């Protein structure tokens, strides 16, 4: 049985996506060291979190240095809503009482007893809804890759930056309930959307930019279908006691977060080249390094339900 469900927001998947961003955090190492490093990825309906550390010199064996005398102040729409001494024993500080909504402006100020300040600001974006997801395949003969189109209309009055993420979730209740979560690696067949932009460098053709793209192409057409190809295994009929959900997440990124992700990919790619021009990972932190960015998610899903699944 095949069922299609449309939801504007999937809290579980959003939390998993935010966790993945934080677990993949790379602290930028600056020559000389000692500067404050501030990170926060702001997302509605997700626990507000902040990272604070110091950069280290290239000669150090550590990725970062803890801040023992730090503090953090959080402003929402120019009003102070939180302040706390930095918990130096932790990599991230979680502040569940901080609630953010779409269109809020979040400013984070961090400092230490020596008077160093590092500040970052971001605006929480309104997600752009997915209108539909279409697929092209025959259930009797599943191809190696299934053509899919994620259809949405980009707002004409603002500049948007996106990331398209596909998630597979599987539940099986044959003996006891089990759960499996995977991020799907898909082919980016829509070259007009996903091709490497001039600013990313001419040597980067074919590099995976994590499904990110600006809106300059999708803005040219209402109900734009972003075309991708998903491995056919995700469309196979489910087992009798299995349910599988294939979720398409259209993530709206702040401009700084978009530039951070793209520059991080370029920098990591350049590590593999023998002679390259150094690439600086994008930062929007005044007085230090790191990033305060925001992301919001709209989603659509396809659900496959096997016989006997309760």
C-alpha atoms as a PDB file:
ATOM      1  CA  UNK A   1       0.000   0.000   0.000  1.00  0.00           C
ATOM      2  CA  UNK A   2       1.407   3.388  -0.993  1.00  0.00           C
ATOM      3  CA  UNK A   3       0.291   6.517   0.780  1.00  0.00           C
ATOM      4  CA  UNK A   4       1.443  10.111   0.329  1.00  0.00           C
ATOM      5  CA  UNK A   5       1.268  12.534   3.226  1.00  0.00           C
ATOM      6  CA  UNK A   6       2.050  16.245   3.253  1.00  0.00           C
ATOM      7  CA  UNK A   7       3.270  17.999   6.369  1.00  0.00           C
ATOM      8  CA  UNK A   8       4.660  21.465   6.776  1.00  0.00           C
ATOM      9  CA  UNK A   9       7.020  20.536   9.579  1.00  0.00           C
ATOM     10  CA  UNK A  10       8.382  17.233  10.908  1.00  0.00           C
ATOM     11  CA  UNK A  11       9.762  17.853  14.386  1.00  0.00           C
ATOM     12  CA  UNK A  12      11.593  14.550  14.688  1.00  0.00           C
ATOM     13  CA  UNK A  13      13.465  14.958  11.421  1.00  0.00           C
ATOM     14  CA  UNK A  14      14.280  18.587  12.166  1.00  0.00           C
ATOM     15  CA  UNK A  15      15.857  17.638  15.490  1.00  0.00           C
ATOM     16  CA  UNK A  16      17.880  14.887  13.798  1.00  0.00           C
ATOM     17  CA  UNK A  17      19.018  17.332  11.114  1.00  0.00           C
ATOM     18  CA  UNK A  18      20.141  19.881  13.699  1.00  0.00           C
ATOM     19  CA  UNK A  19      22.016  17.212  15.644  1.00  0.00           C
ATOM     20  CA  UNK A  20      23.852  16.178  12.490  1.00  0.00           C
ATOM     21  CA  UNK A  21      24.931  19.776  11.808  1.00  0.00           C
ATOM     22  CA  UNK A  22      26.323  20.114  15.321  1.00  0.00           C
ATOM     23  CA  UNK A  23      28.082  16.737  15.359  1.00  0.00           C
ATOM     24  CA  UNK A  24      29.844  17.609  12.102  1.00  0.00           C
ATOM     25  CA  UNK A  25      31.127  20.930  13.435  1.00  0.00           C
ATOM     26  CA  UNK A  26      34.758  21.627  12.540  1.00  0.00           C
ATOM     27  CA  UNK A  27      36.521  24.281  14.596  1.00  0.00           C
ATOM     28  CA  UNK A  28      38.471  26.569  12.286  1.00  0.00           C
ATOM     29  CA  UNK A  29      42.098  26.756  13.398  1.00  0.00           C
ATOM     30  CA  UNK A  30      43.542  30.247  13.059  1.00  0.00           C
ATOM     31  CA  UNK A  31      47.279  30.957  12.986  1.00  0.00           C
ATOM     32  CA  UNK A  32      48.410  32.270  16.342  1.00  0.00           C
ATOM     33  CA  UNK A  33      45.326  31.095  18.242  1.00  0.00           C
ATOM     34  CA  UNK A  34      43.541  32.582  21.220  1.00  0.00           C
ATOM     35  CA  UNK A  35      40.587  34.200  19.411  1.00  0.00           C
ATOM     36  CA  UNK A  36      37.034  33.431  20.506  1.00  0.00           C
ATOM     37  CA  UNK A  37      35.169  30.920  18.341  1.00  0.00           C
ATOM     38  CA  UNK A  38      31.363  31.139  18.423  1.00  0.00           C
ATOM     39  CA  UNK A  39      28.850  28.836  16.724  1.00  0.00           C
ATOM     40  CA  UNK A  40      25.076  28.596  16.874  1.00  0.00           C
ATOM     41  CA  UNK A  41      22.627  27.118  14.357  1.00  0.00           C
ATOM     42  CA  UNK A  42      19.228  28.593  15.166  1.00  0.00           C
ATOM     43  CA  UNK A  43      16.116  26.598  14.256  1.00  0.00           C
ATOM     44  CA  UNK A  44      12.488  26.978  15.396  1.00  0.00           C
ATOM     45  CA  UNK A  45      11.126  24.064  17.466  1.00  0.00           C
ATOM     46  CA  UNK A  46      14.650  22.867  18.203  1.00  0.00           C
ATOM     47  CA  UNK A  47      16.685  23.260  21.381  1.00  0.00           C
ATOM     48  CA  UNK A  48      18.709  26.478  21.269  1.00  0.00           C
ATOM     49  CA  UNK A  49      22.420  25.684  21.508  1.00  0.00           C
ATOM     50  CA  UNK A  50      25.701  27.629  21.512  1.00  0.00           C
ATOM     51  CA  UNK A  51      29.352  26.641  21.149  1.00  0.00           C
ATOM     52  CA  UNK A  52      32.166  28.790  22.533  1.00  0.00           C
ATOM     53  CA  UNK A  53      35.906  28.065  22.464  1.00  0.00           C
ATOM     54  CA  UNK A  54      39.233  29.623  21.515  1.00  0.00           C
ATOM     55  CA  UNK A  55      41.117  29.050  18.303  1.00  0.00           C
ATOM     56  CA  UNK A  56      44.510  27.371  18.579  1.00  0.00           C
ATOM     57  CA  UNK A  57      47.774  27.722  16.679  1.00  0.00           C
ATOM     58  CA  UNK A  58      48.733  25.347  13.893  1.00  0.00           C
ATOM     59  CA  UNK A  59      51.382  23.809  16.145  1.00  0.00           C
ATOM     60  CA  UNK A  60      48.816  22.713  18.729  1.00  0.00           C
ATOM     61  CA  UNK A  61      47.717  19.080  18.959  1.00  0.00           C
ATOM     62  CA  UNK A  62      44.217  20.166  20.006  1.00  0.00           C
ATOM     63  CA  UNK A  63      41.365  21.242  17.719  1.00  0.00           C
ATOM     64  CA  UNK A  64      40.264  23.998  20.096  1.00  0.00           C
ATOM     65  CA  UNK A  65      40.920  25.458  23.528  1.00  0.00           C
ATOM     66  CA  UNK A  66      38.267  25.677  26.217  1.00  0.00           C
ATOM     67  CA  UNK A  67      37.103  29.039  27.540  1.00  0.00           C
ATOM     68  CA  UNK A  68      37.243  29.053  31.345  1.00  0.00           C
ATOM     69  CA  UNK A  69      36.239  32.668  31.930  1.00  0.00           C
ATOM     70  CA  UNK A  70      33.586  33.156  29.256  1.00  0.00           C
ATOM     71  CA  UNK A  71      30.005  34.315  29.163  1.00  0.00           C
ATOM     72  CA  UNK A  72      27.194  34.386  26.604  1.00  0.00           C
ATOM     73  CA  UNK A  73      24.339  36.879  26.179  1.00  0.00           C
ATOM     74  CA  UNK A  74      21.409  36.188  23.835  1.00  0.00           C
ATOM     75  CA  UNK A  75      19.184  38.898  22.350  1.00  0.00           C
ATOM     76  CA  UNK A  76      15.918  38.336  20.504  1.00  0.00           C
ATOM     77  CA  UNK A  77      14.644  41.282  18.472  1.00  0.00           C
ATOM     78  CA  UNK A  78      17.050  43.579  20.396  1.00  0.00           C
ATOM     79  CA  UNK A  79      15.763  42.413  23.806  1.00  0.00           C
ATOM     80  CA  UNK A  80      18.083  40.455  26.119  1.00  0.00           C
ATOM     81  CA  UNK A  81      16.456  37.121  26.868  1.00  0.00           C
ATOM     82  CA  UNK A  82      19.297  35.101  28.389  1.00  0.00           C
ATOM     83  CA  UNK A  83      22.800  35.430  29.866  1.00  0.00           C
ATOM     84  CA  UNK A  84      24.995  32.804  31.497  1.00  0.00           C
ATOM     85  CA  UNK A  85      28.557  31.962  32.432  1.00  0.00           C
ATOM     86  CA  UNK A  86      30.075  29.597  29.883  1.00  0.00           C
ATOM     87  CA  UNK A  87      30.098  25.951  31.121  1.00  0.00           C
ATOM     88  CA  UNK A  88      33.732  25.273  30.208  1.00  0.00           C
ATOM     89  CA  UNK A  89      33.373  21.508  30.736  1.00  0.00           C
ATOM     90  CA  UNK A  90      30.940  21.306  27.793  1.00  0.00           C
ATOM     91  CA  UNK A  91      31.407  21.695  24.033  1.00  0.00           C
ATOM     92  CA  UNK A  92      27.822  22.954  23.583  1.00  0.00           C
ATOM     93  CA  UNK A  93      25.532  24.821  25.956  1.00  0.00           C
ATOM     94  CA  UNK A  94      21.836  23.954  25.565  1.00  0.00           C
ATOM     95  CA  UNK A  95      19.222  26.548  26.541  1.00  0.00           C
ATOM     96  CA  UNK A  96      15.771  24.891  26.266  1.00  0.00           C
ATOM     97  CA  UNK A  97      13.961  27.924  27.693  1.00  0.00           C
ATOM     98  CA  UNK A  98      14.903  30.049  24.665  1.00  0.00           C
ATOM     99  CA  UNK A  99      12.134  29.916  22.078  1.00  0.00           C
ATOM    100  CA  UNK A 100      12.498  31.405  18.616  1.00  0.00           C
ATOM    101  CA  UNK A 101       9.933  31.937  15.885  1.00  0.00           C
ATOM    102  CA  UNK A 102      10.048  32.784  12.206  1.00  0.00           C
ATOM    103  CA  UNK A 103      11.274  36.311  11.426  1.00  0.00           C
ATOM    104  CA  UNK A 104      12.949  36.697  14.840  1.00  0.00           C
ATOM    105  CA  UNK A 105      16.385  38.326  14.821  1.00  0.00           C
ATOM    106  CA  UNK A 106      18.826  36.548  17.132  1.00  0.00           C
ATOM    107  CA  UNK A 107      22.040  38.182  18.326  1.00  0.00           C
ATOM    108  CA  UNK A 108      24.613  36.303  20.406  1.00  0.00           C
ATOM    109  CA  UNK A 109      27.361  38.136  22.265  1.00  0.00           C
ATOM    110  CA  UNK A 110      30.181  36.143  23.845  1.00  0.00           C
ATOM    111  CA  UNK A 111      33.131  37.435  25.828  1.00  0.00           C
ATOM    112  CA  UNK A 112      35.761  36.723  28.465  1.00  0.00           C
ATOM    113  CA  UNK A 113      37.361  38.425  31.463  1.00  0.00           C
ATOM    114  CA  UNK A 114      40.083  39.972  29.248  1.00  0.00           C
ATOM    115  CA  UNK A 115      37.490  42.051  27.408  1.00  0.00           C
ATOM    116  CA  UNK A 116      37.447  39.995  24.187  1.00  0.00           C
ATOM    117  CA  UNK A 117      34.078  40.007  22.433  1.00  0.00           C
ATOM    118  CA  UNK A 118      32.722  37.817  19.616  1.00  0.00           C
ATOM    119  CA  UNK A 119      29.282  38.616  18.209  1.00  0.00           C
ATOM    120  CA  UNK A 120      27.037  37.043  15.583  1.00  0.00           C
ATOM    121  CA  UNK A 121      23.527  37.819  14.314  1.00  0.00           C
ATOM    122  CA  UNK A 122      20.995  35.932  12.213  1.00  0.00           C
ATOM    123  CA  UNK A 123      17.348  36.203  11.184  1.00  0.00           C
ATOM    124  CA  UNK A 124      15.131  33.138  11.509  1.00  0.00           C
ATOM    125  CA  UNK A 125      13.648  32.465   8.089  1.00  0.00           C
ATOM    126  CA  UNK A 126      10.132  31.517   7.121  1.00  0.00           C
ATOM    127  CA  UNK A 127      10.265  28.101   5.378  1.00  0.00           C
ATOM    128  CA  UNK A 128       9.198  27.817   1.747  1.00  0.00           C
ATOM    129  CA  UNK A 129       6.557  25.127   1.504  1.00  0.00           C
ATOM    130  CA  UNK A 130       6.885  22.132  -0.818  1.00  0.00           C
ATOM    131  CA  UNK A 131       3.807  22.025  -3.033  1.00  0.00           C
ATOM    132  CA  UNK A 132       4.228  18.405  -4.123  1.00  0.00           C
ATOM    133  CA  UNK A 133       6.688  15.624  -4.859  1.00  0.00           C
ATOM    134  CA  UNK A 134       6.220  13.602  -8.043  1.00  0.00           C
ATOM    135  CA  UNK A 135       7.873  10.302  -8.948  1.00  0.00           C
ATOM    136  CA  UNK A 136       8.289   8.394 -12.207  1.00  0.00           C
ATOM    137  CA  UNK A 137       8.469   4.613 -11.904  1.00  0.00           C
ATOM    138  CA  UNK A 138       6.552   1.381 -12.367  1.00  0.00           C
ATOM    139  CA  UNK A 139       5.939  -0.556  -9.152  1.00  0.00           C
ATOM    140  CA  UNK A 140       6.414  -3.849 -11.036  1.00  0.00           C
ATOM    141  CA  UNK A 141       9.886  -2.944 -12.320  1.00  0.00           C
ATOM    142  CA  UNK A 142      11.708  -0.612  -9.942  1.00  0.00           C
ATOM    143  CA  UNK A 143      14.625   1.049 -11.805  1.00  0.00           C
ATOM    144  CA  UNK A 144      18.083   1.517 -10.329  1.00  0.00           C
ATOM    145  CA  UNK A 145      17.253   5.203  -9.799  1.00  0.00           C
ATOM    146  CA  UNK A 146      13.789   6.756  -9.595  1.00  0.00           C
ATOM    147  CA  UNK A 147      13.226  10.215 -11.103  1.00  0.00           C
ATOM    148  CA  UNK A 148      11.694  12.622  -8.579  1.00  0.00           C
ATOM    149  CA  UNK A 149      10.649  16.259  -8.780  1.00  0.00           C
ATOM    150  CA  UNK A 150      10.358  18.452  -5.690  1.00  0.00           C
ATOM    151  CA  UNK A 151       7.979  21.260  -6.672  1.00  0.00           C
ATOM    152  CA  UNK A 152       7.815  24.628  -4.912  1.00  0.00           C
ATOM    153  CA  UNK A 153       7.483  28.338  -5.696  1.00  0.00           C
ATOM    154  CA  UNK A 154      10.278  30.625  -4.578  1.00  0.00           C
ATOM    155  CA  UNK A 155       9.090  33.961  -3.085  1.00  0.00           C
ATOM    156  CA  UNK A 156       9.799  36.738  -5.561  1.00  0.00           C
ATOM    157  CA  UNK A 157      10.458  39.530  -3.073  1.00  0.00           C
ATOM    158  CA  UNK A 158      13.443  38.078  -1.175  1.00  0.00           C
ATOM    159  CA  UNK A 159      16.633  36.164  -1.931  1.00  0.00           C
ATOM    160  CA  UNK A 160      16.595  32.615  -0.617  1.00  0.00           C
ATOM    161  CA  UNK A 161      19.185  29.907  -0.177  1.00  0.00           C
ATOM    162  CA  UNK A 162      18.202  26.265   0.030  1.00  0.00           C
ATOM    163  CA  UNK A 163      19.377  22.784   0.889  1.00  0.00           C
ATOM    164  CA  UNK A 164      17.468  19.737  -0.330  1.00  0.00           C
ATOM    165  CA  UNK A 165      17.770  16.777   2.043  1.00  0.00           C
ATOM    166  CA  UNK A 166      16.134  13.369   1.654  1.00  0.00           C
ATOM    167  CA  UNK A 167      15.614  11.149   4.712  1.00  0.00           C
ATOM    168  CA  UNK A 168      14.530   7.512   4.915  1.00  0.00           C
ATOM    169  CA  UNK A 169      12.906   6.193   8.095  1.00  0.00           C
ATOM    170  CA  UNK A 170      11.898   2.569   8.585  1.00  0.00           C
ATOM    171  CA  UNK A 171       9.819   0.986  11.334  1.00  0.00           C
ATOM    172  CA  UNK A 172       9.450  -2.811  11.743  1.00  0.00           C
ATOM    173  CA  UNK A 173       7.174  -4.416  14.336  1.00  0.00           C
ATOM    174  CA  UNK A 174       7.669  -8.081  13.430  1.00  0.00           C
ATOM    175  CA  UNK A 175       8.927  -9.042  16.911  1.00  0.00           C
ATOM    176  CA  UNK A 176       9.434  -5.721  18.658  1.00  0.00           C
ATOM    177  CA  UNK A 177       9.397  -2.244  17.202  1.00  0.00           C
ATOM    178  CA  UNK A 178      12.703  -1.307  15.547  1.00  0.00           C
ATOM    179  CA  UNK A 179      13.627   1.949  13.884  1.00  0.00           C
ATOM    180  CA  UNK A 180      16.190   2.871  11.230  1.00  0.00           C
ATOM    181  CA  UNK A 181      17.138   6.371  10.052  1.00  0.00           C
ATOM    182  CA  UNK A 182      19.248   7.158   6.961  1.00  0.00           C
ATOM    183  CA  UNK A 183      20.105  10.266   4.995  1.00  0.00           C
ATOM    184  CA  UNK A 184      19.626   9.367   1.332  1.00  0.00           C
ATOM    185  CA  UNK A 185      22.421  10.096  -1.141  1.00  0.00           C
ATOM    186  CA  UNK A 186      20.694  11.165  -4.353  1.00  0.00           C
ATOM    187  CA  UNK A 187      21.809  12.150  -7.856  1.00  0.00           C
ATOM    188  CA  UNK A 188      21.457  15.835  -8.710  1.00  0.00           C
ATOM    189  CA  UNK A 189      20.086  15.597 -12.236  1.00  0.00           C
ATOM    190  CA  UNK A 190      18.897  19.219 -12.315  1.00  0.00           C
ATOM    191  CA  UNK A 191      22.205  20.748 -13.426  1.00  0.00           C
ATOM    192  CA  UNK A 192      20.669  24.222 -13.790  1.00  0.00           C
ATOM    193  CA  UNK A 193      20.056  24.246 -10.031  1.00  0.00           C
ATOM    194  CA  UNK A 194      22.961  22.256  -8.601  1.00  0.00           C
ATOM    195  CA  UNK A 195      25.858  23.162 -10.917  1.00  0.00           C
ATOM    196  CA  UNK A 196      28.931  24.796  -9.372  1.00  0.00           C
ATOM    197  CA  UNK A 197      28.685  28.590  -9.262  1.00  0.00           C
ATOM    198  CA  UNK A 198      31.530  30.819 -10.495  1.00  0.00           C
ATOM    199  CA  UNK A 199      32.566  31.844  -7.001  1.00  0.00           C
ATOM    200  CA  UNK A 200      33.146  28.220  -6.004  1.00  0.00           C
ATOM    201  CA  UNK A 201      36.090  27.764  -8.371  1.00  0.00           C
ATOM    202  CA  UNK A 202      36.604  26.201 -11.785  1.00  0.00           C
ATOM    203  CA  UNK A 203      38.333  23.091 -10.369  1.00  0.00           C
ATOM    204  CA  UNK A 204      35.274  21.927  -8.458  1.00  0.00           C
ATOM    205  CA  UNK A 205      33.082  20.439 -11.182  1.00  0.00           C
ATOM    206  CA  UNK A 206      31.272  17.411  -9.795  1.00  0.00           C
ATOM    207  CA  UNK A 207      31.818  18.284  -6.134  1.00  0.00           C
ATOM    208  CA  UNK A 208      28.838  17.563  -3.879  1.00  0.00           C
ATOM    209  CA  UNK A 209      27.797  20.796  -2.180  1.00  0.00           C
ATOM    210  CA  UNK A 210      25.467  18.947   0.194  1.00  0.00           C
ATOM    211  CA  UNK A 211      22.387  19.679  -1.915  1.00  0.00           C
ATOM    212  CA  UNK A 212      22.626  23.447  -1.435  1.00  0.00           C
ATOM    213  CA  UNK A 213      21.591  25.947  -4.098  1.00  0.00           C
ATOM    214  CA  UNK A 214      20.613  29.640  -4.410  1.00  0.00           C
ATOM    215  CA  UNK A 215      17.255  30.739  -5.768  1.00  0.00           C
ATOM    216  CA  UNK A 216      18.434  32.481  -8.966  1.00  0.00           C
ATOM    217  CA  UNK A 217      17.292  29.558 -11.164  1.00  0.00           C
ATOM    218  CA  UNK A 218      14.151  28.453  -9.304  1.00  0.00           C
ATOM    219  CA  UNK A 219      12.930  32.064  -9.126  1.00  0.00           C
ATOM    220  CA  UNK A 220      12.453  32.109 -12.906  1.00  0.00           C
ATOM    221  CA  UNK A 221       9.475  29.741 -12.842  1.00  0.00           C
ATOM    222  CA  UNK A 222       6.433  29.275 -10.638  1.00  0.00           C
ATOM    223  CA  UNK A 223       6.004  25.744  -9.259  1.00  0.00           C
ATOM    224  CA  UNK A 224       9.622  24.952 -10.110  1.00  0.00           C
ATOM    225  CA  UNK A 225      10.391  21.200 -10.178  1.00  0.00           C
ATOM    226  CA  UNK A 226      13.852  20.501  -8.754  1.00  0.00           C
ATOM    227  CA  UNK A 227      14.795  17.173 -10.333  1.00  0.00           C
ATOM    228  CA  UNK A 228      16.743  14.503  -8.490  1.00  0.00           C
ATOM    229  CA  UNK A 229      17.236  10.734  -8.788  1.00  0.00           C
ATOM    230  CA  UNK A 230      16.823   8.514  -5.726  1.00  0.00           C
ATOM    231  CA  UNK A 231      18.135   4.924  -5.492  1.00  0.00           C
ATOM    232  CA  UNK A 232      15.342   2.548  -6.411  1.00  0.00           C
ATOM    233  CA  UNK A 233      15.878   0.428  -3.302  1.00  0.00           C
ATOM    234  CA  UNK A 234      13.953   3.036  -1.303  1.00  0.00           C
ATOM    235  CA  UNK A 235      10.883   2.377  -3.485  1.00  0.00           C
ATOM    236  CA  UNK A 236      10.864  -1.403  -3.118  1.00  0.00           C
ATOM    237  CA  UNK A 237       7.702  -2.825  -1.532  1.00  0.00           C
ATOM    238  CA  UNK A 238       8.032  -2.925   2.254  1.00  0.00           C
ATOM    239  CA  UNK A 239       8.133  -6.160   4.231  1.00  0.00           C
ATOM    240  CA  UNK A 240       4.816  -7.381   5.704  1.00  0.00           C
ATOM    241  CA  UNK A 241       5.527  -5.830   9.128  1.00  0.00           C
ATOM    242  CA  UNK A 242       7.344  -2.741   7.893  1.00  0.00           C
ATOM    243  CA  UNK A 243       6.578   0.919   7.328  1.00  0.00           C
ATOM    244  CA  UNK A 244       8.955   3.165   5.390  1.00  0.00           C
ATOM    245  CA  UNK A 245       8.759   6.948   5.114  1.00  0.00           C
ATOM    246  CA  UNK A 246      10.742   8.821   2.476  1.00  0.00           C
ATOM    247  CA  UNK A 247      10.861  12.482   3.496  1.00  0.00           C
ATOM    248  CA  UNK A 248      11.905  15.406   1.307  1.00  0.00           C
ATOM    249  CA  UNK A 249      13.165  18.374   3.323  1.00  0.00           C
ATOM    250  CA  UNK A 250      13.451  21.803   1.727  1.00  0.00           C
ATOM    251  CA  UNK A 251      15.703  23.668   4.156  1.00  0.00           C
ATOM    252  CA  UNK A 252      15.770  27.465   3.958  1.00  0.00           C
ATOM    253  CA  UNK A 253      19.241  28.666   4.976  1.00  0.00           C
ATOM    254  CA  UNK A 254      20.375  32.076   6.091  1.00  0.00           C
ATOM    255  CA  UNK A 255      22.853  33.557   3.615  1.00  0.00           C
ATOM    256  CA  UNK A 256      25.732  33.222   6.068  1.00  0.00           C
ATOM    257  CA  UNK A 257      24.907  29.572   6.800  1.00  0.00           C
ATOM    258  CA  UNK A 258      24.751  28.863   3.054  1.00  0.00           C
ATOM    259  CA  UNK A 259      28.160  30.479   2.502  1.00  0.00           C
ATOM    260  CA  UNK A 260      29.571  28.601   5.486  1.00  0.00           C
ATOM    261  CA  UNK A 261      28.449  25.206   4.163  1.00  0.00           C
ATOM    262  CA  UNK A 262      29.711  25.895   0.630  1.00  0.00           C
ATOM    263  CA  UNK A 263      33.075  27.280   1.723  1.00  0.00           C
ATOM    264  CA  UNK A 264      33.558  24.370   4.137  1.00  0.00           C
ATOM    265  CA  UNK A 265      33.071  21.911   1.256  1.00  0.00           C
ATOM    266  CA  UNK A 266      35.597  23.816  -0.890  1.00  0.00           C
ATOM    267  CA  UNK A 267      38.114  23.961   1.962  1.00  0.00           C
ATOM    268  CA  UNK A 268      37.814  20.222   2.642  1.00  0.00           C
ATOM    269  CA  UNK A 269      38.143  19.471  -1.075  1.00  0.00           C
ATOM    270  CA  UNK A 270      41.308  21.565  -1.268  1.00  0.00           C
ATOM    271  CA  UNK A 271      42.891  19.486   1.477  1.00  0.00           C
ATOM    272  CA  UNK A 272      43.200  16.699  -1.110  1.00  0.00           C
ATOM    273  CA  UNK A 273      45.005  18.852  -3.697  1.00  0.00           C
ATOM    274  CA  UNK A 274      48.800  19.231  -3.659  1.00  0.00           C
ATOM    275  CA  UNK A 275      48.935  22.936  -4.622  1.00  0.00           C
ATOM    276  CA  UNK A 276      45.934  25.183  -4.029  1.00  0.00           C
ATOM    277  CA  UNK A 277      45.094  28.694  -2.977  1.00  0.00           C
ATOM    278  CA  UNK A 278      44.014  28.565   0.693  1.00  0.00           C
ATOM    279  CA  UNK A 279      40.240  28.798   1.198  1.00  0.00           C
ATOM    280  CA  UNK A 280      38.875  30.567   4.254  1.00  0.00           C
ATOM    281  CA  UNK A 281      35.716  29.062   5.708  1.00  0.00           C
ATOM    282  CA  UNK A 282      33.026  31.747   5.826  1.00  0.00           C
ATOM    283  CA  UNK A 283      32.444  33.441   9.177  1.00  0.00           C
ATOM    284  CA  UNK A 284      30.005  36.154  10.254  1.00  0.00           C
ATOM    285  CA  UNK A 285      31.433  36.602  13.746  1.00  0.00           C
ATOM    286  CA  UNK A 286      32.596  40.112  14.620  1.00  0.00           C
ATOM    287  CA  UNK A 287      35.658  40.004  16.862  1.00  0.00           C
ATOM    288  CA  UNK A 288      36.234  36.270  16.465  1.00  0.00           C
ATOM    289  CA  UNK A 289      35.570  33.255  14.264  1.00  0.00           C
ATOM    290  CA  UNK A 290      32.702  30.860  13.615  1.00  0.00           C
ATOM    291  CA  UNK A 291      29.104  31.293  12.569  1.00  0.00           C
ATOM    292  CA  UNK A 292      25.685  32.256  13.882  1.00  0.00           C
ATOM    293  CA  UNK A 293      23.210  31.101  11.244  1.00  0.00           C
ATOM    294  CA  UNK A 294      19.638  29.922  10.935  1.00  0.00           C
ATOM    295  CA  UNK A 295      17.665  27.299   9.071  1.00  0.00           C
ATOM    296  CA  UNK A 296      14.017  26.342   8.791  1.00  0.00           C
ATOM    297  CA  UNK A 297      12.427  23.301   7.218  1.00  0.00           C
ATOM    298  CA  UNK A 298       9.399  22.466   5.072  1.00  0.00           C
ATOM    299  CA  UNK A 299       8.716  18.851   4.168  1.00  0.00           C
ATOM    300  CA  UNK A 300       6.735  16.402   2.083  1.00  0.00           C
ATOM    301  CA  UNK A 301       6.791  12.636   2.400  1.00  0.00           C
ATOM    302  CA  UNK A 302       5.902   9.379   0.718  1.00  0.00           C
ATOM    303  CA  UNK A 303       4.873   6.512   3.018  1.00  0.00           C
ATOM    304  CA  UNK A 304       5.011   2.813   2.158  1.00  0.00           C
ATOM    305  CA  UNK A 305       3.071   0.488   4.516  1.00  0.00           C
ATOM    306  CA  UNK A 306       3.440  -3.283   4.426  1.00  0.00           C
ATOM    307  CA  UNK A 307       0.725  -5.805   5.222  1.00  0.00           C
ATOM    308  CA  UNK A 308       0.205  -6.562   8.929  1.00  0.00           C
ATOM    309  CA  UNK A 309       1.929  -3.375  10.065  1.00  0.00           C
ATOM    310  CA  UNK A 310       0.059  -1.909  13.021  1.00  0.00           C
END
